[in-house]
Amino acid sequence: MNPDTELIRVLLVDDEVSFLEATSAALKGRQCDVTTSVNAQQAIEHLESRFFDVIVLDVQMPGMDGLALLKKLSDERPTLKVVMLTGHATVEMAIEAMKLGAFDFLLKPAKIEDLLKVVRRAAERGELERRNIALEEELERTKGSGRIVGESSGIKKIREFILTAASADLPVLITGETGTGKELVAQAIHAGSARSSHQLVIVDGSTLREELLASELFGHEKGAFTGAVKKKVGLFEVADRGSIFLDEIGELSAANQTSLLRVLESGRFRPVGAVREVSTDVRIIAATNKDIKAAVGKGGFREDLFYRLNGLSIDVLPLRERRDDIPLLAQYFLDLTNSASGTTVKLSKDAQDSFLNYDWPGNIRELKYVIERAVLLARKTGEIGPSHLPEDVAKTDKGTISIVGDFTQDRPTLSELQERYERFYIESLIEEYKGNKSKVARVLGISRSVLYEKLGRLGME
């Protein structure tokens, strides 16, 4: 959080009306958005309908006192920072407040500058903790795939779209096959947007059952269902003022589609088991590998939700439709893997030929895993060849020359081209005749000794 550019949302709770009015007016003039409450119950009502960064809380109040409310908040809203204020402090009271989770403890009358400094530090700490919640699971999941690589027309179109989407605040719908990099596009949009100082929370709609996904997104109240032993903060609260990336949006149940539509239309949602709705300020970036329009036509996806999500849209092409990017991506993942494993493995022309002729049904994700596996297998030789690749990747169609894709990459000379073709043709014959060199020599119209000479020159012995 940047307190110089964003308002800090403060809930000020005190039974002294004159103190509330004076302190509220002073904070509002110093980059704070202040809401006031005269007792704990009123504060709870505010907290149920809106997110706050900091609560400034008096200790001594009629009914539920400040320490009791502090304990409740520490259990239910651990990222909400509480600053305690009192005019009748004791050492024991201060120690108890800190044990219960207070961020700081100040004596009345506190100077407004001192209070403001504490409020700012508390807001920054809460923001950091919410960011950690969002990032903890994603660090490992996105490791080694954090950059959009390629120079094809498809990639250039995506880069242009990212710039456009980042400059707006509309919902975004990203379509494309599994593994094409839809999540990277979402990350780039968020990173370039005005929301980048806040979290991008990533949710995979295909991995959670209906009731669990609702709880993850919207949170739940204690006792809302079996196993709900305490109140849970939902990801829409964690992502407030940031973005949520909903992957595999096509997997959402009808009930969750309705809840999501409500958020898009009103900026409000209801935690599972709650009575009151909560407001939120979140940008939704959704993705799917399904044909959502077809799903709408068949009644499997809400038409009104589709049009709300489709504020801006982009289709990420599969890797087989942008083969020019394959060598760049392969080298990128090879460099990452070498760096992580301390190796210096290289990629042979034969292996690159295999990459260029394979259709990559798993797209970029599959290429990344193939490279990581190949580096492990090629440690001894120092070079990745077809033998280090999965069988379906290494296999080349007999009717296709595997060097074709290289013309646009390195412009081989005629002698280099001849050498590559010889290697390819001899390899295919050796495979076809199961290693019988005599049969291979007869098909080639040369003697066995000449064949062995060629094998040596081509490094195929």
Protein backbone atom coordinates (compact mmCIF):
# COMPACT_ATOMS: atom_id res chain seq x y z
CA MET A 1 0.00 0.00 0.00
CA ASN A 2 1.16 3.48 -0.84
CA PRO A 3 -0.35 5.87 1.73
CA ASP A 4 0.71 8.84 -0.39
CA THR A 5 -1.58 7.85 -3.25
CA GLU A 6 -4.33 5.69 -1.72
CA LEU A 7 -6.77 6.31 1.07
CA ILE A 8 -6.30 4.14 4.14
CA ARG A 9 -9.67 2.79 5.26
CA VAL A 10 -9.93 3.34 9.01
CA LEU A 11 -12.68 2.27 11.40
CA LEU A 12 -12.58 4.51 14.50
CA VAL A 13 -14.38 3.04 17.53
CA ASP A 14 -14.91 5.07 20.71
CA ASP A 15 -17.88 5.92 22.93
CA GLU A 16 -16.76 9.55 23.24
CA VAL A 17 -18.53 11.37 20.40
CA SER A 18 -16.38 14.49 20.68
CA PHE A 19 -13.22 12.38 20.33
CA LEU A 20 -14.67 10.59 17.30
CA GLU A 21 -15.56 13.82 15.54
CA ALA A 22 -12.23 15.55 16.19
CA THR A 23 -10.04 12.54 15.36
CA SER A 24 -12.11 11.62 12.29
CA ALA A 25 -11.82 15.14 10.88
CA ALA A 26 -8.06 15.20 11.47
CA LEU A 27 -7.44 11.81 9.82
CA LYS A 28 -9.67 12.56 6.83
CA GLY A 29 -7.41 15.43 5.93
CA ARG A 30 -4.41 13.08 5.90
CA GLN A 31 -5.16 10.40 3.28
CA CYS A 32 -7.59 8.42 5.43
CA ASP A 33 -11.15 7.29 4.66
CA VAL A 34 -12.70 7.19 8.15
CA THR A 35 -15.85 5.44 9.40
CA THR A 36 -16.88 5.90 13.03
CA SER A 37 -18.65 3.68 15.56
CA VAL A 38 -19.74 4.50 19.11
CA ASN A 39 -19.66 0.90 20.35
CA ALA A 40 -18.41 -2.58 19.50
CA GLN A 41 -21.72 -3.82 18.08
CA GLN A 42 -21.92 -0.95 15.62
CA ALA A 43 -18.30 -1.60 14.65
CA ILE A 44 -19.12 -5.26 13.95
CA GLU A 45 -21.97 -4.19 11.67
CA HIS A 46 -19.61 -1.96 9.70
CA LEU A 47 -17.05 -4.77 9.47
CA GLU A 48 -19.67 -7.15 8.09
CA SER A 49 -20.43 -4.89 5.15
CA ARG A 50 -17.06 -3.39 4.23
CA PHE A 51 -13.33 -4.09 4.36
CA PHE A 52 -11.06 -1.87 6.45
CA ASP A 53 -7.29 -1.61 6.62
CA VAL A 54 -7.02 -0.49 10.25
CA ILE A 55 -9.33 -0.26 13.25
CA VAL A 56 -8.51 2.30 15.95
CA LEU A 57 -10.21 0.95 19.05
CA ASP A 58 -10.85 2.36 22.51
CA VAL A 59 -10.32 -0.10 25.36
CA GLN A 60 -13.06 1.02 27.75
CA MET A 61 -16.57 1.07 26.26
CA PRO A 62 -20.00 0.05 27.53
CA GLY A 63 -21.14 -3.45 26.53
CA MET A 64 -18.40 -5.35 24.74
CA ASP A 65 -15.15 -3.60 25.62
CA GLY A 66 -12.20 -3.03 23.31
CA LEU A 67 -10.19 -6.04 24.47
CA ALA A 68 -13.12 -8.40 23.85
CA LEU A 69 -13.62 -6.98 20.35
CA LEU A 70 -9.86 -7.21 19.74
CA LYS A 71 -9.91 -10.93 20.58
CA LYS A 72 -12.84 -11.51 18.24
CA LEU A 73 -11.12 -9.67 15.40
CA SER A 74 -7.80 -11.46 15.94
CA ASP A 75 -9.60 -14.80 15.56
CA GLU A 76 -11.77 -13.85 12.60
CA ARG A 77 -9.80 -11.20 10.67
CA PRO A 78 -6.09 -11.74 11.25
CA THR A 79 -5.01 -9.34 8.50
CA LEU A 80 -7.07 -6.44 9.94
CA LYS A 81 -4.67 -4.45 12.10
CA VAL A 82 -5.97 -3.03 15.39
CA VAL A 83 -4.49 0.00 17.16
CA MET A 84 -5.66 0.27 20.78
CA LEU A 85 -6.31 3.64 22.44
CA THR A 86 -7.09 4.37 26.08
CA GLY A 87 -6.89 7.15 28.60
CA HIS A 88 -6.53 4.77 31.55
CA ALA A 89 -3.67 2.46 30.61
CA THR A 90 -1.79 0.07 32.82
CA VAL A 91 1.20 -2.08 31.98
CA GLU A 92 -0.93 -5.20 32.41
CA MET A 93 -3.56 -3.86 30.01
CA ALA A 94 -0.96 -3.06 27.35
CA ILE A 95 0.61 -6.51 27.65
CA GLU A 96 -2.81 -8.18 27.38
CA ALA A 97 -3.66 -6.15 24.26
CA MET A 98 -0.41 -7.10 22.55
CA LYS A 99 -0.94 -10.78 23.43
CA LEU A 100 -4.38 -10.61 21.86
CA GLY A 101 -2.87 -9.35 18.62
CA ALA A 102 -2.97 -5.53 18.81
CA PHE A 103 -0.62 -3.88 16.34
CA ASP A 104 0.14 -1.03 18.76
CA PHE A 105 -1.10 0.56 21.97
CA LEU A 106 -1.35 4.35 22.37
CA LEU A 107 -2.34 6.63 25.25
CA LYS A 108 -4.97 9.34 24.96
CA PRO A 109 -4.66 12.09 24.06
CA ALA A 110 -2.41 10.90 21.25
CA LYS A 111 -0.95 13.47 18.89
CA ILE A 112 -2.60 13.13 15.49
CA GLU A 113 0.80 12.82 13.77
CA ASP A 114 1.77 9.95 16.08
CA LEU A 115 -1.56 8.22 15.48
CA LEU A 116 -1.23 8.71 11.72
CA LYS A 117 2.25 7.15 11.67
CA VAL A 118 0.98 4.08 13.52
CA VAL A 119 -2.08 3.80 11.26
CA ARG A 120 0.11 3.93 8.16
CA ARG A 121 2.49 1.25 9.48
CA ALA A 122 -0.46 -0.93 10.46
CA ALA A 123 -2.06 -0.57 7.02
CA GLU A 124 1.21 -1.51 5.32
CA ARG A 125 1.61 -4.58 7.57
CA GLY A 126 -1.92 -5.76 6.83
CA GLU A 127 -1.40 -5.26 3.10
CA LEU A 128 1.82 -7.28 3.25
CA GLU A 129 0.10 -10.14 5.09
CA ARG A 130 -2.75 -10.24 2.58
CA ARG A 131 -0.21 -10.24 -0.24
CA ASN A 132 1.60 -13.17 1.37
CA ILE A 133 -1.66 -15.13 1.55
CA ALA A 134 -2.15 -14.60 -2.17
CA LEU A 135 1.44 -15.36 -3.15
CA GLU A 136 2.22 -18.33 -0.92
CA GLU A 137 0.57 -20.92 -3.13
CA GLU A 138 1.55 -19.25 -6.40
CA LEU A 139 5.31 -19.05 -5.87
CA GLU A 140 5.89 -22.73 -6.54
CA ARG A 141 3.14 -23.05 -9.15
CA THR A 142 4.51 -20.33 -11.41
CA LYS A 143 8.20 -21.02 -10.82
CA GLY A 144 10.19 -20.98 -14.06
CA SER A 145 7.45 -19.59 -16.28
CA GLY A 146 7.26 -15.91 -15.51
CA ARG A 147 7.83 -14.28 -18.91
CA ILE A 148 5.94 -14.13 -22.18
CA VAL A 149 8.42 -15.38 -24.76
CA GLY A 150 8.09 -15.24 -28.53
CA GLU A 151 8.14 -12.99 -31.60
CA SER A 152 5.32 -14.51 -33.66
CA SER A 153 2.41 -12.40 -34.85
CA GLY A 154 0.26 -14.14 -32.24
CA ILE A 155 2.56 -13.09 -29.40
CA LYS A 156 2.79 -9.53 -30.72
CA LYS A 157 -1.02 -9.38 -30.72
CA ILE A 158 -1.08 -10.60 -27.11
CA ARG A 159 1.45 -7.94 -26.03
CA GLU A 160 -0.67 -5.23 -27.64
CA PHE A 161 -3.78 -6.58 -25.92
CA ILE A 162 -2.02 -6.59 -22.53
CA LEU A 163 -1.20 -2.90 -22.90
CA THR A 164 -4.82 -2.11 -23.78
CA ALA A 165 -6.29 -4.23 -20.98
CA ALA A 166 -3.86 -2.87 -18.39
CA SER A 167 -4.89 0.70 -19.18
CA ALA A 168 -8.58 -0.07 -18.56
CA ASP A 169 -10.44 -1.54 -15.59
CA LEU A 170 -12.92 -3.75 -17.42
CA PRO A 171 -13.36 -7.49 -16.79
CA VAL A 172 -11.15 -9.61 -19.06
CA LEU A 173 -11.86 -13.01 -20.62
CA ILE A 174 -8.88 -15.05 -21.86
CA THR A 175 -9.56 -18.15 -23.94
CA GLY A 176 -7.22 -20.82 -25.23
CA GLU A 177 -6.16 -24.42 -24.85
CA THR A 178 -4.65 -25.77 -21.64
CA GLY A 179 -1.02 -24.78 -21.20
CA THR A 180 -0.97 -21.85 -23.64
CA GLY A 181 -0.01 -19.28 -20.98
CA LYS A 182 -3.35 -17.71 -20.09
CA GLU A 183 -2.22 -17.18 -16.50
CA LEU A 184 0.89 -15.31 -17.66
CA VAL A 185 -1.32 -12.98 -19.70
CA ALA A 186 -3.45 -12.33 -16.60
CA GLN A 187 -0.35 -11.62 -14.52
CA ALA A 188 0.97 -9.18 -17.12
CA ILE A 189 -2.37 -7.34 -17.29
CA HIS A 190 -2.48 -6.96 -13.52
CA ALA A 191 1.19 -5.94 -13.29
CA GLY A 192 0.65 -3.14 -15.80
CA SER A 193 -2.60 -1.90 -14.29
CA ALA A 194 -3.36 0.75 -11.67
CA ARG A 195 -4.11 -2.13 -9.28
CA SER A 196 -0.58 -3.55 -9.39
CA SER A 197 0.31 -2.39 -5.86
CA HIS A 198 -2.33 -4.82 -4.58
CA GLN A 199 -2.76 -8.56 -4.94
CA LEU A 200 -3.49 -10.70 -7.95
CA VAL A 201 -5.25 -13.70 -6.42
CA ILE A 202 -5.32 -16.82 -8.59
CA VAL A 203 -8.11 -19.38 -8.30
CA ASP A 204 -8.47 -22.58 -10.35
CA GLY A 205 -12.19 -23.25 -10.68
CA SER A 206 -11.61 -26.84 -11.80
CA THR A 207 -9.85 -28.00 -8.64
CA LEU A 208 -12.51 -27.31 -6.00
CA ARG A 209 -15.99 -28.69 -5.39
CA GLU A 210 -18.89 -26.25 -5.58
CA GLU A 211 -19.21 -25.58 -1.85
CA LEU A 212 -15.45 -25.35 -1.32
CA LEU A 213 -15.02 -22.88 -4.17
CA ALA A 214 -17.75 -20.64 -2.74
CA SER A 215 -15.98 -20.71 0.63
CA GLU A 216 -12.60 -19.94 -1.00
CA LEU A 217 -13.96 -17.03 -3.00
CA PHE A 218 -16.38 -15.47 -0.54
CA GLY A 219 -15.29 -16.81 2.87
CA HIS A 220 -17.63 -18.36 5.41
CA GLU A 221 -18.99 -17.82 8.88
CA LYS A 222 -18.20 -20.10 11.78
CA GLY A 223 -20.63 -23.03 11.74
CA ALA A 224 -21.78 -22.34 8.17
CA PHE A 225 -21.27 -26.02 7.31
CA THR A 226 -19.73 -29.16 8.77
CA GLY A 227 -16.05 -28.47 9.41
CA ALA A 228 -16.40 -24.67 9.48
CA VAL A 229 -14.93 -24.37 12.97
CA LYS A 230 -14.04 -20.71 12.58
CA LYS A 231 -14.72 -17.75 10.32
CA LYS A 232 -12.72 -17.82 7.07
CA VAL A 233 -11.55 -14.80 5.08
CA GLY A 234 -12.47 -15.20 1.40
CA LEU A 235 -10.21 -14.41 -1.53
CA PHE A 236 -12.42 -11.53 -2.63
CA GLU A 237 -11.48 -9.87 0.66
CA VAL A 238 -7.79 -10.73 0.21
CA ALA A 239 -7.87 -9.26 -3.31
CA ASP A 240 -9.78 -6.08 -2.41
CA ARG A 241 -8.48 -3.21 -4.60
CA GLY A 242 -6.51 -5.78 -6.60
CA SER A 243 -7.48 -8.44 -9.14
CA ILE A 244 -8.75 -12.01 -9.12
CA PHE A 245 -7.79 -14.43 -11.88
CA LEU A 246 -10.46 -17.12 -12.18
CA ASP A 247 -8.95 -19.93 -14.22
CA GLU A 248 -11.24 -22.49 -15.87
CA ILE A 249 -14.28 -20.25 -15.43
CA GLY A 250 -16.26 -22.73 -17.52
CA GLU A 251 -16.16 -25.21 -14.63
CA LEU A 252 -18.18 -22.99 -12.27
CA SER A 253 -21.46 -24.43 -11.00
CA ALA A 254 -24.73 -22.63 -11.67
CA ALA A 255 -24.85 -21.35 -8.06
CA ASN A 256 -21.32 -19.96 -8.21
CA GLN A 257 -22.02 -18.39 -11.60
CA THR A 258 -24.93 -16.53 -10.01
CA SER A 259 -22.77 -15.36 -7.09
CA LEU A 260 -20.04 -14.17 -9.45
CA LEU A 261 -22.56 -12.28 -11.56
CA ARG A 262 -23.73 -10.52 -8.39
CA VAL A 263 -20.16 -9.38 -7.67
CA LEU A 264 -19.70 -8.08 -11.20
CA GLU A 265 -22.99 -6.18 -11.18
CA SER A 266 -22.96 -4.71 -7.67
CA GLY A 267 -19.49 -5.16 -6.20
CA ARG A 268 -21.06 -7.09 -3.32
CA PHE A 269 -21.12 -10.72 -2.17
CA ARG A 270 -22.35 -12.76 0.76
CA PRO A 271 -19.95 -15.08 2.65
CA VAL A 272 -21.27 -18.62 3.08
CA GLY A 273 -23.58 -18.69 6.09
CA ALA A 274 -23.65 -14.89 6.46
CA VAL A 275 -26.73 -12.68 6.56
CA ARG A 276 -25.16 -9.42 5.43
CA GLU A 277 -23.50 -8.72 2.12
CA VAL A 278 -19.95 -7.36 1.92
CA SER A 279 -18.72 -4.80 -0.60
CA THR A 280 -15.52 -5.31 -2.55
CA ASP A 281 -13.46 -3.53 -5.20
CA VAL A 282 -11.94 -6.26 -7.36
CA ARG A 283 -11.17 -6.59 -11.05
CA ILE A 284 -12.02 -10.01 -12.44
CA ILE A 285 -9.81 -11.63 -15.08
CA ALA A 286 -11.26 -14.96 -16.20
CA ALA A 287 -9.92 -17.73 -18.41
CA THR A 288 -11.22 -20.93 -19.95
CA ASN A 289 -10.19 -23.68 -22.35
CA LYS A 290 -13.83 -24.29 -23.23
CA ASP A 291 -15.99 -22.78 -25.94
CA ILE A 292 -18.04 -20.55 -23.63
CA LYS A 293 -20.31 -19.32 -26.42
CA ALA A 294 -21.23 -22.92 -27.20
CA ALA A 295 -21.82 -23.56 -23.49
CA VAL A 296 -24.14 -20.55 -23.37
CA GLY A 297 -26.09 -21.93 -26.31
CA LYS A 298 -26.48 -25.29 -24.57
CA GLY A 299 -27.52 -23.72 -21.26
CA GLY A 300 -24.32 -24.70 -19.46
CA PHE A 301 -23.18 -21.15 -18.81
CA ARG A 302 -25.16 -18.00 -17.99
CA GLU A 303 -25.45 -15.69 -20.97
CA ASP A 304 -25.56 -12.56 -18.79
CA LEU A 305 -22.41 -13.64 -16.94
CA PHE A 306 -20.62 -14.33 -20.22
CA TYR A 307 -21.31 -10.81 -21.50
CA ARG A 308 -20.24 -9.24 -18.18
CA LEU A 309 -16.97 -11.18 -18.19
CA ASN A 310 -16.36 -10.44 -21.87
CA GLY A 311 -15.55 -6.74 -21.37
CA LEU A 312 -12.21 -7.32 -23.12
CA SER A 313 -11.24 -10.67 -24.62
CA ILE A 314 -8.26 -12.40 -26.22
CA ASP A 315 -7.70 -15.88 -27.62
CA VAL A 316 -4.22 -17.28 -26.91
CA LEU A 317 -3.13 -19.40 -29.88
CA PRO A 318 -1.85 -22.95 -29.33
CA LEU A 319 1.86 -23.56 -29.82
CA ARG A 320 1.34 -25.53 -33.04
CA GLU A 321 -0.09 -22.37 -34.64
CA ARG A 322 2.94 -20.25 -33.77
CA ARG A 323 5.84 -22.60 -34.42
CA ASP A 324 8.27 -19.71 -34.87
CA ASP A 325 8.15 -19.29 -31.09
CA ILE A 326 9.13 -22.90 -30.32
CA PRO A 327 12.95 -22.45 -30.60
CA LEU A 328 12.80 -19.28 -28.47
CA LEU A 329 10.67 -20.95 -25.81
CA ALA A 330 12.81 -24.08 -25.81
CA GLN A 331 15.97 -22.03 -25.28
CA TYR A 332 14.26 -19.96 -22.59
CA PHE A 333 13.25 -23.03 -20.60
CA LEU A 334 16.64 -24.64 -21.22
CA ASP A 335 18.41 -21.57 -19.79
CA LEU A 336 16.11 -21.59 -16.75
CA THR A 337 16.63 -25.30 -16.15
CA ASN A 338 20.40 -25.08 -16.58
CA SER A 339 20.52 -22.18 -14.15
CA ALA A 340 18.42 -23.99 -11.56
CA SER A 341 20.31 -27.30 -11.82
CA GLY A 342 23.83 -25.94 -12.34
CA THR A 343 24.19 -27.65 -15.73
CA THR A 344 25.32 -26.44 -19.17
CA VAL A 345 23.30 -28.80 -21.36
CA LYS A 346 22.74 -27.69 -24.96
CA LEU A 347 19.99 -28.43 -27.45
CA SER A 348 20.95 -30.36 -30.61
CA LYS A 349 19.58 -29.56 -34.05
CA ASP A 350 17.91 -32.96 -34.15
CA ALA A 351 16.07 -32.27 -30.92
CA GLN A 352 14.99 -28.86 -32.17
CA ASP A 353 13.77 -30.48 -35.39
CA SER A 354 11.65 -32.82 -33.28
CA PHE A 355 10.23 -29.88 -31.36
CA LEU A 356 9.32 -28.06 -34.57
CA ASN A 357 7.48 -31.07 -36.00
CA TYR A 358 5.55 -32.01 -32.85
CA ASP A 359 2.05 -30.56 -32.35
CA TRP A 360 2.37 -29.97 -28.56
CA PRO A 361 -1.14 -30.83 -27.31
CA GLY A 362 -0.03 -29.63 -23.87
CA ASN A 363 1.38 -26.42 -25.38
CA ILE A 364 3.95 -24.33 -23.48
CA ARG A 365 3.48 -26.24 -20.24
CA GLU A 366 4.30 -29.52 -22.01
CA LEU A 367 7.38 -28.00 -23.67
CA LYS A 368 8.65 -26.79 -20.30
CA TYR A 369 8.30 -30.27 -18.73
CA VAL A 370 9.93 -31.95 -21.75
CA ILE A 371 12.94 -29.63 -21.48
CA GLU A 372 13.30 -30.21 -17.72
CA ARG A 373 13.16 -33.99 -18.24
CA ALA A 374 15.61 -33.87 -21.15
CA VAL A 375 18.18 -31.86 -19.18
CA LEU A 376 18.09 -34.49 -16.45
CA LEU A 377 18.65 -37.31 -18.95
CA ALA A 378 21.33 -35.46 -20.95
CA ARG A 379 23.59 -34.48 -18.03
CA LYS A 380 26.32 -36.93 -19.08
CA THR A 381 26.41 -36.10 -22.78
CA GLY A 382 25.85 -32.38 -22.32
CA GLU A 383 23.53 -32.17 -25.31
CA ILE A 384 19.84 -32.97 -25.69
CA GLY A 385 19.16 -35.32 -28.59
CA PRO A 386 16.05 -37.22 -29.74
CA SER A 387 16.92 -40.10 -27.40
CA HIS A 388 16.38 -37.79 -24.41
CA LEU A 389 12.87 -36.85 -25.52
CA PRO A 390 9.56 -38.65 -24.92
CA GLU A 391 8.80 -41.08 -27.71
CA ASP A 392 5.85 -39.11 -29.11
CA VAL A 393 7.98 -35.93 -29.26
CA ALA A 394 11.05 -37.59 -30.81
CA LYS A 395 9.05 -39.52 -33.39
CA THR A 396 8.98 -37.83 -36.80
CA ASP A 397 6.41 -38.46 -39.52
CA LYS A 398 8.11 -40.47 -42.33
CA GLY A 399 6.63 -38.17 -44.92
CA THR A 400 8.01 -35.02 -43.34
CA ILE A 401 11.57 -33.71 -43.42
CA SER A 402 12.37 -32.61 -39.89
CA ILE A 403 14.61 -29.72 -40.93
CA VAL A 404 11.93 -27.66 -42.64
CA GLY A 405 11.25 -25.32 -39.72
CA ASP A 406 14.92 -24.32 -39.44
CA PHE A 407 15.01 -22.30 -42.69
CA THR A 408 13.43 -19.30 -40.95
CA GLN A 409 15.78 -19.59 -38.00
CA ASP A 410 19.40 -19.96 -39.22
CA ARG A 411 19.40 -19.94 -43.07
CA PRO A 412 21.58 -23.07 -43.52
CA THR A 413 24.06 -23.33 -46.40
CA LEU A 414 23.48 -26.03 -49.04
CA SER A 415 26.17 -28.25 -47.52
CA GLU A 416 24.62 -27.89 -44.04
CA LEU A 417 21.19 -28.62 -45.46
CA GLN A 418 22.51 -31.73 -47.22
CA GLU A 419 24.13 -32.94 -44.02
CA ARG A 420 20.92 -32.50 -42.05
CA TYR A 421 18.89 -34.30 -44.68
CA GLU A 422 21.40 -37.19 -44.83
CA ARG A 423 21.25 -37.57 -41.06
CA PHE A 424 17.45 -37.52 -41.04
CA TYR A 425 17.13 -40.01 -43.92
CA ILE A 426 19.73 -42.44 -42.57
CA GLU A 427 18.17 -42.32 -39.08
CA SER A 428 14.73 -43.08 -40.50
CA LEU A 429 16.10 -46.06 -42.46
CA ILE A 430 17.99 -47.42 -39.46
CA GLU A 431 14.78 -47.22 -37.46
CA GLU A 432 12.75 -48.84 -40.24
CA TYR A 433 15.20 -51.76 -40.67
CA LYS A 434 15.75 -52.10 -36.91
CA GLY A 435 19.48 -51.32 -37.09
CA ASN A 436 20.38 -53.69 -39.98
CA LYS A 437 23.19 -51.71 -41.63
CA SER A 438 23.44 -54.03 -44.63
CA LYS A 439 19.82 -53.37 -45.63
CA VAL A 440 20.26 -49.64 -45.06
CA ALA A 441 23.37 -49.60 -47.28
CA ARG A 442 21.52 -51.46 -50.06
CA VAL A 443 18.63 -48.97 -49.97
CA LEU A 444 21.11 -46.09 -50.11
CA GLY A 445 23.01 -47.73 -52.96
CA ILE A 446 26.35 -47.62 -51.12
CA SER A 447 28.66 -50.15 -49.50
CA ARG A 448 28.69 -50.90 -45.78
CA SER A 449 32.11 -49.26 -45.44
CA VAL A 450 30.85 -46.03 -47.04
CA LEU A 451 27.80 -46.13 -44.76
CA TYR A 452 30.00 -46.45 -41.67
CA GLU A 453 32.13 -43.59 -42.95
CA LYS A 454 29.01 -41.42 -43.26
CA LEU A 455 27.81 -42.46 -39.80
CA GLY A 456 31.14 -41.39 -38.35
CA ARG A 457 31.16 -38.06 -40.18
CA LEU A 458 27.59 -37.32 -39.10
CA GLY A 459 28.29 -38.31 -35.48
CA MET A 460 25.83 -41.20 -35.64
CA GLU A 461 28.05 -44.12 -34.60
